[in-house]
C-alpha cells in the first residue's frame, strides 16, 4: 500500500511519461494484461489511457489491470490512469 507521500512522488515522476497502454473498444483482455505485465516489469511506473470508444470506465479499467498485475493505482484523472509495481530485481524509483 502506497502512502500519500509515495503516491505524490510517483505522480510527479509520471508527469513526463506518455501513455503506453491504451484500453480501446475491445476492453481488457488477456493480451492487454500481458502487455501491462511487461510494461510494469520494464518501467515500474506505467501511464495508461482509456479511449473514448471504450465501454470501460477509467476507474474500473485501472482497478481490473491493477488487480490482474498485482500493481497499485497511483492516480486516475480524466481518461488517464497511472499504475505502479516495484521491480524486486532492479528497482528504478526510490520511494520516500
N, C-alpha and C. Protein backbone atom coordinates (compact mmCIF):
# COMPACT_ATOMS: atom_id res chain seq x y z
N UNK A 1 0.85 -1.19 0.00
CA UNK A 1 0.00 0.00 0.00
C UNK A 1 0.89 1.24 0.00
N UNK A 2 0.61 2.14 -0.90
CA UNK A 2 1.39 3.37 -1.01
C UNK A 2 0.90 4.43 -0.04
N UNK A 3 1.83 5.14 0.58
CA UNK A 3 1.45 6.25 1.44
C UNK A 3 1.17 7.48 0.57
N UNK A 4 0.64 8.51 1.17
CA UNK A 4 0.34 9.74 0.44
C UNK A 4 1.60 10.38 -0.13
N UNK A 5 2.67 10.33 0.63
CA UNK A 5 3.94 10.92 0.19
C UNK A 5 4.51 10.14 -1.01
N UNK A 6 4.43 8.82 -0.95
CA UNK A 6 4.92 7.99 -2.05
C UNK A 6 4.07 8.20 -3.30
N UNK A 7 2.76 8.27 -3.12
CA UNK A 7 1.85 8.49 -4.24
C UNK A 7 2.14 9.84 -4.90
N UNK A 8 2.38 10.86 -4.09
CA UNK A 8 2.69 12.19 -4.60
C UNK A 8 4.00 12.17 -5.40
N UNK A 9 5.00 11.48 -4.88
CA UNK A 9 6.29 11.37 -5.57
C UNK A 9 6.11 10.69 -6.93
N UNK A 10 5.35 9.59 -6.96
CA UNK A 10 5.14 8.85 -8.20
C UNK A 10 4.32 9.65 -9.21
N UNK A 11 3.36 10.44 -8.73
CA UNK A 11 2.59 11.31 -9.65
C UNK A 11 3.52 12.30 -10.33
N UNK A 12 4.44 12.86 -9.57
CA UNK A 12 5.41 13.79 -10.14
C UNK A 12 6.30 13.13 -11.17
N UNK A 13 6.71 11.90 -10.90
CA UNK A 13 7.55 11.17 -11.85
C UNK A 13 6.77 10.81 -13.12
N UNK A 14 5.48 10.57 -12.98
CA UNK A 14 4.65 10.16 -14.11
C UNK A 14 4.27 11.33 -15.01
N UNK A 15 4.46 12.57 -14.54
CA UNK A 15 4.10 13.74 -15.34
C UNK A 15 4.74 13.72 -16.72
N UNK A 16 5.98 13.30 -16.79
CA UNK A 16 6.71 13.36 -18.05
C UNK A 16 6.49 12.12 -18.92
N UNK A 17 5.75 11.15 -18.42
CA UNK A 17 5.51 9.92 -19.18
C UNK A 17 4.36 10.08 -20.17
N UNK A 18 4.46 9.38 -21.27
CA UNK A 18 3.37 9.29 -22.23
C UNK A 18 2.62 7.98 -22.00
N UNK A 19 1.32 7.95 -22.25
CA UNK A 19 0.58 6.70 -22.08
C UNK A 19 1.10 5.62 -23.04
N UNK A 20 1.41 4.45 -22.50
CA UNK A 20 1.87 3.36 -23.35
C UNK A 20 0.86 2.22 -23.41
N UNK A 21 -0.15 2.26 -22.57
CA UNK A 21 -1.22 1.27 -22.59
C UNK A 21 -2.51 1.99 -22.97
N UNK A 22 -3.21 1.45 -23.97
CA UNK A 22 -4.46 2.06 -24.43
C UNK A 22 -5.57 1.02 -24.35
N UNK A 23 -6.61 1.35 -23.59
CA UNK A 23 -7.78 0.48 -23.48
C UNK A 23 -8.80 0.99 -24.49
N UNK A 24 -9.07 0.17 -25.49
CA UNK A 24 -9.99 0.57 -26.56
C UNK A 24 -11.33 -0.12 -26.46
N UNK A 25 -12.00 -0.21 -27.60
CA UNK A 25 -13.35 -0.77 -27.59
C UNK A 25 -13.37 -2.26 -27.26
N UNK A 26 -12.22 -2.93 -27.40
CA UNK A 26 -12.14 -4.34 -27.04
C UNK A 26 -12.12 -4.57 -25.54
N UNK A 27 -11.91 -3.51 -24.77
CA UNK A 27 -11.87 -3.63 -23.32
C UNK A 27 -10.58 -4.28 -22.84
N UNK A 28 -10.65 -4.89 -21.69
CA UNK A 28 -9.47 -5.52 -21.10
C UNK A 28 -9.52 -7.01 -21.37
N UNK A 29 -8.55 -7.48 -22.14
CA UNK A 29 -8.45 -8.90 -22.44
C UNK A 29 -7.08 -9.39 -21.99
N UNK A 30 -6.81 -10.66 -22.21
CA UNK A 30 -5.55 -11.25 -21.73
C UNK A 30 -4.34 -10.61 -22.42
N UNK A 31 -4.47 -10.25 -23.68
CA UNK A 31 -3.35 -9.62 -24.39
C UNK A 31 -2.98 -8.27 -23.75
N UNK A 32 -3.99 -7.50 -23.36
CA UNK A 32 -3.74 -6.22 -22.71
C UNK A 32 -3.11 -6.41 -21.32
N UNK A 33 -3.55 -7.42 -20.61
CA UNK A 33 -2.98 -7.72 -19.30
C UNK A 33 -1.52 -8.13 -19.45
N UNK A 34 -1.22 -8.96 -20.46
CA UNK A 34 0.17 -9.36 -20.70
C UNK A 34 1.03 -8.16 -21.06
N UNK A 35 0.48 -7.26 -21.87
CA UNK A 35 1.21 -6.05 -22.25
C UNK A 35 1.49 -5.19 -21.02
N UNK A 36 0.52 -5.08 -20.12
CA UNK A 36 0.71 -4.31 -18.89
C UNK A 36 1.75 -4.97 -17.99
N UNK A 37 1.74 -6.29 -17.90
CA UNK A 37 2.74 -7.01 -17.11
C UNK A 37 4.15 -6.69 -17.60
N UNK A 38 4.34 -6.76 -18.91
CA UNK A 38 5.66 -6.46 -19.49
C UNK A 38 6.07 -5.02 -19.22
N UNK A 39 5.13 -4.10 -19.38
CA UNK A 39 5.43 -2.68 -19.17
C UNK A 39 5.79 -2.41 -17.72
N UNK A 40 5.06 -3.01 -16.78
CA UNK A 40 5.36 -2.81 -15.36
C UNK A 40 6.71 -3.42 -14.98
N UNK A 41 7.05 -4.56 -15.57
CA UNK A 41 8.33 -5.17 -15.28
C UNK A 41 9.47 -4.30 -15.80
N UNK A 42 9.29 -3.72 -16.97
CA UNK A 42 10.35 -2.91 -17.58
C UNK A 42 10.44 -1.51 -16.99
N UNK A 43 9.29 -0.90 -16.67
CA UNK A 43 9.28 0.52 -16.29
C UNK A 43 8.87 0.82 -14.85
N UNK A 44 8.23 -0.10 -14.19
CA UNK A 44 7.67 0.07 -12.83
C UNK A 44 6.49 1.02 -12.79
N UNK A 45 6.58 2.16 -13.43
CA UNK A 45 5.54 3.18 -13.42
C UNK A 45 4.98 3.30 -14.84
N UNK A 46 3.69 3.02 -15.00
CA UNK A 46 3.10 2.98 -16.34
C UNK A 46 1.87 3.88 -16.38
N UNK A 47 1.81 4.68 -17.43
CA UNK A 47 0.66 5.54 -17.65
C UNK A 47 -0.20 4.91 -18.75
N UNK A 48 -1.49 4.82 -18.51
CA UNK A 48 -2.41 4.25 -19.47
C UNK A 48 -3.54 5.22 -19.78
N UNK A 49 -4.21 4.94 -20.87
CA UNK A 49 -5.30 5.80 -21.32
C UNK A 49 -6.48 4.95 -21.74
N UNK A 50 -7.67 5.37 -21.34
CA UNK A 50 -8.90 4.71 -21.78
C UNK A 50 -9.47 5.57 -22.90
N UNK A 51 -9.55 4.98 -24.08
CA UNK A 51 -10.03 5.73 -25.25
C UNK A 51 -11.53 5.99 -25.17
N UNK A 52 -11.98 6.98 -25.90
CA UNK A 52 -13.39 7.38 -25.85
C UNK A 52 -14.33 6.30 -26.36
N UNK A 53 -13.84 5.44 -27.27
CA UNK A 53 -14.72 4.42 -27.83
C UNK A 53 -14.79 3.16 -26.95
N UNK A 54 -14.12 3.19 -25.80
CA UNK A 54 -14.13 2.05 -24.89
C UNK A 54 -15.40 2.04 -24.06
N UNK A 55 -15.87 0.85 -23.75
CA UNK A 55 -17.04 0.70 -22.89
C UNK A 55 -16.65 0.71 -21.41
N UNK A 56 -15.35 0.63 -21.13
CA UNK A 56 -14.84 0.60 -19.76
C UNK A 56 -14.79 2.01 -19.17
N UNK A 57 -15.12 2.12 -17.90
CA UNK A 57 -14.89 3.36 -17.16
C UNK A 57 -13.42 3.37 -16.75
N UNK A 58 -12.85 4.55 -16.62
CA UNK A 58 -11.43 4.68 -16.35
C UNK A 58 -11.06 4.02 -15.02
N UNK A 59 -11.79 4.31 -13.97
CA UNK A 59 -11.51 3.74 -12.64
C UNK A 59 -11.63 2.22 -12.67
N UNK A 60 -12.67 1.70 -13.34
CA UNK A 60 -12.86 0.25 -13.42
C UNK A 60 -11.71 -0.41 -14.17
N UNK A 61 -11.29 0.19 -15.28
CA UNK A 61 -10.19 -0.37 -16.07
C UNK A 61 -8.90 -0.38 -15.25
N UNK A 62 -8.63 0.71 -14.53
CA UNK A 62 -7.43 0.78 -13.71
C UNK A 62 -7.46 -0.27 -12.60
N UNK A 63 -8.61 -0.45 -11.96
CA UNK A 63 -8.73 -1.44 -10.89
C UNK A 63 -8.55 -2.86 -11.41
N UNK A 64 -9.14 -3.16 -12.57
CA UNK A 64 -9.01 -4.50 -13.15
C UNK A 64 -7.56 -4.80 -13.50
N UNK A 65 -6.89 -3.83 -14.14
CA UNK A 65 -5.50 -4.04 -14.53
C UNK A 65 -4.60 -4.13 -13.30
N UNK A 66 -4.84 -3.31 -12.31
CA UNK A 66 -4.03 -3.34 -11.09
C UNK A 66 -4.18 -4.69 -10.38
N UNK A 67 -5.39 -5.17 -10.29
CA UNK A 67 -5.65 -6.45 -9.64
C UNK A 67 -5.01 -7.59 -10.42
N UNK A 68 -5.12 -7.56 -11.72
CA UNK A 68 -4.57 -8.62 -12.57
C UNK A 68 -3.05 -8.66 -12.53
N UNK A 69 -2.42 -7.51 -12.34
CA UNK A 69 -0.96 -7.42 -12.41
C UNK A 69 -0.31 -7.24 -11.04
N UNK A 70 -1.08 -7.30 -9.97
CA UNK A 70 -0.57 -7.05 -8.62
C UNK A 70 0.14 -5.70 -8.53
N UNK A 71 -0.48 -4.70 -9.11
CA UNK A 71 0.07 -3.34 -9.10
C UNK A 71 -0.80 -2.46 -8.21
N UNK A 72 -0.36 -1.22 -8.03
CA UNK A 72 -1.13 -0.26 -7.25
C UNK A 72 -1.51 0.92 -8.11
N UNK A 73 -2.71 1.42 -7.90
CA UNK A 73 -3.16 2.61 -8.62
C UNK A 73 -2.55 3.83 -7.95
N UNK A 74 -1.83 4.63 -8.74
CA UNK A 74 -1.24 5.86 -8.23
C UNK A 74 -2.23 7.00 -8.40
N UNK A 75 -2.85 7.08 -9.58
CA UNK A 75 -3.77 8.18 -9.85
C UNK A 75 -4.70 7.81 -11.00
N UNK A 76 -5.91 8.32 -10.93
CA UNK A 76 -6.86 8.27 -12.03
C UNK A 76 -7.39 9.68 -12.20
N UNK A 77 -7.17 10.24 -13.36
CA UNK A 77 -7.63 11.61 -13.62
C UNK A 77 -8.04 11.70 -15.09
N UNK A 78 -9.25 12.18 -15.31
CA UNK A 78 -9.75 12.25 -16.69
C UNK A 78 -9.85 10.85 -17.26
N UNK A 79 -9.23 10.64 -18.41
CA UNK A 79 -9.23 9.31 -19.02
C UNK A 79 -7.84 8.65 -18.92
N UNK A 80 -7.01 9.16 -18.00
CA UNK A 80 -5.65 8.66 -17.80
C UNK A 80 -5.55 7.98 -16.43
N UNK A 81 -4.81 6.89 -16.39
CA UNK A 81 -4.53 6.24 -15.11
C UNK A 81 -3.04 5.91 -15.03
N UNK A 82 -2.54 5.82 -13.81
CA UNK A 82 -1.13 5.51 -13.57
C UNK A 82 -1.06 4.34 -12.61
N UNK A 83 -0.30 3.31 -12.99
CA UNK A 83 -0.12 2.14 -12.15
C UNK A 83 1.36 1.99 -11.79
N UNK A 84 1.62 1.43 -10.61
CA UNK A 84 2.98 1.22 -10.14
C UNK A 84 3.12 -0.18 -9.56
N UNK A 85 4.21 -0.83 -9.93
CA UNK A 85 4.59 -2.10 -9.31
C UNK A 85 6.11 -2.13 -9.21
N UNK A 86 6.61 -2.27 -8.00
CA UNK A 86 8.06 -2.26 -7.78
C UNK A 86 8.70 -3.48 -8.40
N UNK A 87 9.80 -3.26 -9.10
CA UNK A 87 10.60 -4.35 -9.66
C UNK A 87 11.56 -4.81 -8.57
N UNK A 88 11.41 -6.05 -8.11
CA UNK A 88 12.20 -6.53 -6.99
C UNK A 88 13.68 -6.70 -7.35
N UNK A 89 13.97 -6.99 -8.61
CA UNK A 89 15.35 -7.22 -9.02
C UNK A 89 16.10 -5.92 -9.31
N UNK A 90 15.50 -5.03 -10.07
CA UNK A 90 16.14 -3.78 -10.45
C UNK A 90 15.19 -2.61 -10.25
N UNK A 91 15.02 -2.15 -9.00
CA UNK A 91 14.10 -1.03 -8.78
C UNK A 91 14.61 0.25 -9.45
N UNK A 92 13.70 0.97 -10.07
CA UNK A 92 14.04 2.22 -10.75
C UNK A 92 13.81 3.41 -9.83
N UNK A 93 12.68 3.41 -9.13
CA UNK A 93 12.30 4.53 -8.28
C UNK A 93 12.57 4.21 -6.81
N UNK A 94 13.16 5.15 -6.11
CA UNK A 94 13.38 5.03 -4.67
C UNK A 94 12.28 5.83 -3.97
N UNK A 95 11.33 5.15 -3.41
CA UNK A 95 10.20 5.82 -2.78
C UNK A 95 10.61 6.45 -1.47
N UNK A 96 10.07 7.65 -1.20
CA UNK A 96 10.39 8.33 0.07
C UNK A 96 9.79 7.60 1.26
